[in-house]
Amino acid sequence: MVKTGEAAPRRIGARVAGRAKPTVSAEASGLPRTGRAAKAGEGVAARVPLSKGRILAAALALVDERGPTGLTTRRLGERLGCEAMSIYHHFPSKQQLLDAMVESALAGMAEPGAELDPIERLRFIGWEYRSAAHRHPRLFPLVALHRLNTPAGVAFVERMLRHFHAAVPDDRLAAQAFRIFGYYVIGATLDETSGCAAGPSAAEPVADQFIARESPRLAAAAPYFKRPHFESTFGLGFEMMLRGIAELRSSLLAETANTPKPVVRPKH
């Protein structure tokens, strides 16, 4: 009921005094757009310019999922929403993209603080390298076996050699210590991320009962070969190696201290 003398309330959407209902845009109303206008607008908003950074991030994510063999320009283009050929405007070849991925992984490794003792710096580097391998286990074989002969790769090796020369102040022994360190750290992390446990199996592998019966030492050791013991095993071997480098450092410093300095006589 409407009381006498009061104007009847207008219905929402009714024509007012013969005029058409004013149109309010979707943007002004805050309501979602529909139809062709929505699709056209969404396409513009979602179109992010292709860049080296976007391509590199997508390539790293793809390798994390599928491994290096799963990285193709077709899959990368699908992930980025572009034609595969567009990628070549930023990376002219797949090899250049792989170089950039390796450099990105190396750049993600933290550097030891200059205030640390030289042996402590090497300890930091070894654990940081292992952590980087486990952050990207499917990328790591590429990083470990890739020749570091780009400017960024050469700079990385130079920085590492400076740390080793600070620990072992002799050109030959510092280079050899660097190589020995790499043998252990790279070999151990390759084994942890893609070693024999992840490799191909025999056509007819022996049963656990056979191992228990025929190889008691292997049966006793087998639990310690598994993932829960990776870190403690790495740490044990790593500390053994570092002790050797520390002893080498001590002997070199002792030799330097005991070497008589030449006597310089004043000229008359």
Protein backbone atom coordinates (compact mmCIF):
# COMPACT_ATOMS: atom_id res chain seq x y z
CA MET A 1 0.00 0.00 0.00
CA VAL A 2 1.13 3.57 -0.77
CA LYS A 3 -0.09 6.40 1.43
CA THR A 4 -1.99 9.29 -0.20
CA GLY A 5 0.18 12.30 -0.99
CA GLU A 6 3.40 10.23 -1.22
CA ALA A 7 5.04 9.54 -4.52
CA ALA A 8 5.18 5.90 -5.49
CA PRO A 9 8.69 4.51 -5.29
CA ARG A 10 10.33 3.96 -8.67
CA ARG A 11 11.39 0.51 -9.66
CA ILE A 12 15.10 0.01 -10.27
CA GLY A 13 15.67 0.34 -13.98
CA ALA A 14 12.38 2.19 -14.71
CA ARG A 15 12.40 5.02 -17.23
CA VAL A 16 12.46 8.41 -15.53
CA ALA A 17 10.28 11.20 -17.01
CA GLY A 18 10.51 9.68 -20.47
CA ARG A 19 14.31 9.55 -20.44
CA ALA A 20 16.33 6.42 -21.05
CA LYS A 21 18.12 4.83 -18.11
CA PRO A 22 21.65 6.24 -17.90
CA THR A 23 24.39 3.79 -18.87
CA VAL A 24 27.10 3.05 -16.31
CA SER A 25 30.34 1.50 -17.54
CA ALA A 26 31.63 -1.70 -16.02
CA GLU A 27 34.78 0.13 -14.88
CA ALA A 28 32.72 2.75 -13.01
CA SER A 29 30.39 0.18 -11.44
CA GLY A 30 33.18 -2.12 -10.37
CA LEU A 31 31.32 -5.08 -11.88
CA PRO A 32 33.17 -7.63 -14.03
CA ARG A 33 33.04 -7.10 -17.78
CA THR A 34 31.36 -9.68 -19.95
CA GLY A 35 31.23 -10.59 -23.59
CA ARG A 36 33.55 -9.30 -26.31
CA ALA A 37 34.60 -6.22 -24.37
CA ALA A 38 35.81 -8.36 -21.48
CA LYS A 39 37.82 -10.67 -23.74
CA ALA A 40 39.42 -7.81 -25.60
CA GLY A 41 40.32 -6.01 -22.37
CA GLU A 42 41.69 -9.11 -20.72
CA GLY A 43 43.91 -9.83 -23.71
CA VAL A 44 45.49 -6.40 -23.48
CA ALA A 45 45.92 -6.58 -19.70
CA ALA A 46 47.40 -10.09 -19.78
CA ARG A 47 49.88 -9.38 -22.56
CA VAL A 48 53.23 -8.98 -20.79
CA PRO A 49 56.18 -8.00 -23.00
CA LEU A 50 58.58 -10.83 -23.73
CA SER A 51 62.00 -10.29 -22.15
CA LYS A 52 65.18 -12.21 -21.37
CA GLY A 53 64.18 -12.31 -17.72
CA ARG A 54 60.75 -13.83 -18.43
CA ILE A 55 62.20 -16.39 -20.82
CA LEU A 56 64.94 -17.36 -18.36
CA ALA A 57 62.51 -17.77 -15.46
CA ALA A 58 60.18 -19.91 -17.58
CA ALA A 59 63.08 -22.04 -18.84
CA LEU A 60 64.34 -22.67 -15.30
CA ALA A 61 60.85 -23.68 -14.16
CA LEU A 62 60.52 -26.02 -17.14
CA VAL A 63 63.85 -27.72 -16.40
CA ASP A 64 62.89 -28.05 -12.72
CA GLU A 65 59.81 -29.97 -13.89
CA ARG A 66 61.12 -31.98 -16.85
CA GLY A 67 64.92 -31.85 -16.74
CA PRO A 68 67.20 -30.41 -19.46
CA THR A 69 65.92 -32.81 -22.11
CA GLY A 70 62.40 -31.50 -21.56
CA LEU A 71 63.42 -27.95 -22.48
CA THR A 72 62.28 -27.19 -26.03
CA THR A 73 61.43 -23.86 -27.64
CA ARG A 74 57.96 -25.19 -28.43
CA ARG A 75 57.20 -25.97 -24.78
CA LEU A 76 58.82 -22.71 -23.71
CA GLY A 77 56.69 -20.77 -26.19
CA GLU A 78 53.53 -22.46 -24.91
CA ARG A 79 54.40 -21.54 -21.34
CA LEU A 80 55.13 -17.93 -22.28
CA GLY A 81 52.13 -17.62 -24.61
CA CYS A 82 54.25 -16.74 -27.64
CA GLU A 83 55.54 -18.27 -30.84
CA ALA A 84 58.71 -20.30 -30.44
CA MET A 85 60.48 -18.10 -32.98
CA SER A 86 59.94 -15.04 -30.74
CA ILE A 87 62.35 -16.54 -28.20
CA TYR A 88 65.19 -16.37 -30.72
CA HIS A 89 64.98 -12.57 -30.76
CA HIS A 90 66.32 -12.68 -27.18
CA PHE A 91 68.39 -15.88 -27.26
CA PRO A 92 69.61 -16.59 -30.82
CA SER A 93 70.30 -20.25 -29.97
CA LYS A 94 69.34 -22.80 -27.35
CA GLN A 95 72.98 -22.98 -26.27
CA GLN A 96 72.90 -19.30 -25.35
CA LEU A 97 69.79 -19.93 -23.27
CA LEU A 98 71.55 -22.82 -21.49
CA ASP A 99 74.55 -20.55 -20.84
CA ALA A 100 72.22 -18.00 -19.25
CA MET A 101 70.60 -20.67 -17.09
CA VAL A 102 73.98 -21.84 -15.79
CA GLU A 103 75.01 -18.24 -15.08
CA SER A 104 71.73 -17.67 -13.24
CA ALA A 105 72.38 -20.71 -11.03
CA LEU A 106 75.92 -19.53 -10.25
CA ALA A 107 74.70 -16.01 -9.49
CA GLY A 108 72.24 -17.49 -6.99
CA MET A 109 75.06 -18.87 -4.84
CA ALA A 110 75.95 -16.68 -1.89
CA GLU A 111 79.55 -15.56 -1.41
CA PRO A 112 81.38 -16.10 1.89
CA GLY A 113 82.06 -13.03 3.99
CA ALA A 114 85.53 -11.50 3.70
CA GLU A 115 85.79 -11.48 7.51
CA LEU A 116 85.83 -15.29 7.62
CA ASP A 117 89.00 -17.33 8.06
CA PRO A 118 90.17 -18.72 4.65
CA ILE A 119 89.28 -22.31 5.61
CA GLU A 120 85.88 -21.15 6.87
CA ARG A 121 85.30 -19.51 3.49
CA LEU A 122 85.94 -22.83 1.75
CA ARG A 123 83.56 -24.55 4.17
CA PHE A 124 80.88 -21.96 3.34
CA ILE A 125 81.42 -22.41 -0.42
CA GLY A 126 81.08 -26.20 -0.26
CA TRP A 127 77.82 -26.18 1.68
CA GLU A 128 76.41 -23.35 -0.42
CA TYR A 129 77.22 -25.24 -3.64
CA ARG A 130 75.47 -28.33 -2.28
CA SER A 131 72.41 -26.26 -1.28
CA ALA A 132 72.23 -24.77 -4.78
CA ALA A 133 72.32 -28.26 -6.27
CA HIS A 134 69.40 -29.38 -4.12
CA ARG A 135 67.40 -26.22 -4.94
CA HIS A 136 67.50 -27.18 -8.63
CA PRO A 137 68.38 -30.90 -8.74
CA ARG A 138 67.34 -31.38 -12.38
CA LEU A 139 69.32 -28.36 -13.54
CA PHE A 140 72.40 -29.24 -11.51
CA PRO A 141 73.95 -31.82 -13.89
CA LEU A 142 74.00 -29.09 -16.54
CA VAL A 143 75.66 -26.65 -14.11
CA ALA A 144 78.20 -29.23 -12.90
CA LEU A 145 79.33 -30.33 -16.37
CA HIS A 146 79.01 -27.03 -18.25
CA ARG A 147 82.25 -25.35 -19.29
CA LEU A 148 82.44 -22.00 -17.54
CA ASN A 149 83.96 -20.13 -20.46
CA THR A 150 81.55 -17.19 -20.69
CA PRO A 151 82.57 -13.86 -19.07
CA ALA A 152 80.30 -14.58 -16.08
CA GLY A 153 81.61 -18.14 -15.81
CA VAL A 154 85.26 -17.04 -15.94
CA ALA A 155 84.53 -14.39 -13.27
CA PHE A 156 83.01 -17.10 -11.03
CA VAL A 157 86.09 -19.34 -11.37
CA GLU A 158 88.36 -16.35 -10.67
CA ARG A 159 86.49 -15.57 -7.45
CA MET A 160 86.75 -19.20 -6.34
CA LEU A 161 90.48 -19.33 -7.06
CA ARG A 162 91.05 -16.20 -4.99
CA HIS A 163 89.44 -17.92 -2.02
CA PHE A 164 91.63 -20.98 -2.54
CA HIS A 165 94.81 -18.93 -2.91
CA ALA A 166 93.97 -17.14 0.33
CA ALA A 167 93.74 -20.57 2.01
CA VAL A 168 96.74 -22.13 0.23
CA PRO A 169 99.19 -19.34 -0.74
CA ASP A 170 100.95 -21.19 -3.55
CA ASP A 171 99.86 -21.09 -7.22
CA ARG A 172 100.28 -24.80 -7.93
CA LEU A 173 98.89 -26.08 -4.64
CA ALA A 174 95.97 -23.63 -4.68
CA ALA A 175 95.01 -24.84 -8.17
CA GLN A 176 95.28 -28.48 -7.06
CA ALA A 177 93.27 -27.84 -3.90
CA PHE A 178 90.58 -26.19 -6.06
CA ARG A 179 90.45 -29.27 -8.29
CA ILE A 180 90.36 -31.72 -5.36
CA PHE A 181 87.58 -29.68 -3.75
CA GLY A 182 85.61 -29.85 -7.01
CA TYR A 183 86.14 -33.61 -7.31
CA TYR A 184 84.50 -34.13 -3.92
CA VAL A 185 81.80 -31.44 -3.84
CA ILE A 186 80.62 -31.82 -7.45
CA GLY A 187 80.87 -35.61 -7.37
CA ALA A 188 78.97 -35.88 -4.09
CA THR A 189 76.20 -33.52 -5.15
CA LEU A 190 75.83 -35.22 -8.53
CA ASP A 191 75.46 -38.53 -6.72
CA GLU A 192 72.86 -37.06 -4.35
CA THR A 193 70.77 -35.36 -7.04
CA SER A 194 71.04 -37.81 -9.94
CA GLY A 195 73.31 -40.67 -8.89
CA CYS A 196 73.09 -44.42 -9.24
CA ALA A 197 69.88 -44.64 -7.19
CA ALA A 198 68.15 -42.54 -9.87
CA GLY A 199 69.86 -44.29 -12.79
CA PRO A 200 68.76 -47.24 -14.93
CA SER A 201 68.28 -50.59 -13.26
CA ALA A 202 69.30 -54.10 -14.29
CA ALA A 203 66.75 -56.05 -16.32
CA GLU A 204 66.45 -58.56 -13.48
CA PRO A 205 67.56 -56.93 -10.21
CA VAL A 206 68.33 -59.20 -7.28
CA ALA A 207 65.82 -59.38 -4.44
CA ASP A 208 66.48 -58.01 -0.97
CA GLN A 209 66.45 -61.59 0.34
CA PHE A 210 69.35 -62.45 -2.00
CA ILE A 211 71.41 -59.48 -0.70
CA ALA A 212 70.66 -60.38 2.92
CA ARG A 213 71.79 -63.97 2.31
CA GLU A 214 74.79 -63.44 0.00
CA SER A 215 76.08 -59.95 0.92
CA PRO A 216 75.74 -59.28 4.66
CA ARG A 217 78.11 -56.28 4.57
CA LEU A 218 76.04 -54.64 1.82
CA ALA A 219 72.83 -55.40 3.72
CA ALA A 220 74.26 -53.71 6.83
CA ALA A 221 75.52 -50.67 4.89
CA ALA A 222 72.46 -50.19 2.66
CA PRO A 223 70.39 -48.08 5.11
CA TYR A 224 73.20 -45.52 5.28
CA PHE A 225 73.21 -45.10 1.50
CA LYS A 226 69.71 -43.62 1.58
CA ARG A 227 68.61 -39.96 1.48
CA PRO A 228 68.23 -39.42 5.26
CA HIS A 229 72.01 -39.95 5.58
CA PHE A 230 73.10 -37.83 2.59
CA GLU A 231 73.87 -34.71 4.63
CA SER A 232 75.82 -36.41 7.41
CA THR A 233 77.83 -38.45 4.88
CA PHE A 234 78.62 -35.34 2.84
CA GLY A 235 79.66 -33.49 6.00
CA LEU A 236 81.93 -36.31 7.16
CA GLY A 237 83.86 -36.49 3.89
CA PHE A 238 83.88 -32.72 3.46
CA GLU A 239 85.48 -32.15 6.87
CA MET A 240 88.12 -34.81 6.14
CA MET A 241 89.04 -32.94 2.95
CA LEU A 242 89.06 -29.52 4.67
CA ARG A 243 91.39 -30.86 7.37
CA GLY A 244 93.82 -31.85 4.64
CA ILE A 245 93.66 -28.37 3.08
CA ALA A 246 94.12 -26.79 6.53
CA GLU A 247 97.22 -28.94 7.16
CA LEU A 248 98.62 -27.94 3.76
CA ARG A 249 98.01 -24.29 4.66
CA SER A 250 99.78 -24.66 8.00
CA SER A 251 102.85 -26.28 6.43
CA LEU A 252 103.10 -23.54 3.81
CA LEU A 253 102.82 -20.78 6.39
CA ALA A 254 105.44 -22.52 8.56
CA GLU A 255 107.83 -22.77 5.63
CA THR A 256 107.34 -19.09 4.87
CA ALA A 257 108.00 -18.14 8.48
CA ASN A 258 111.20 -20.26 8.61
CA THR A 259 112.62 -19.07 5.32
CA PRO A 260 115.47 -16.65 6.07
CA LYS A 261 115.01 -13.27 4.51
CA PRO A 262 117.84 -12.06 2.28
CA VAL A 263 120.12 -9.51 3.88
CA VAL A 264 120.25 -6.29 1.95
CA ARG A 265 123.56 -4.49 2.55
CA PRO A 266 123.75 -0.77 2.00
CA LYS A 267 125.87 0.35 -0.90
CA HIS A 268 128.99 2.32 -0.01
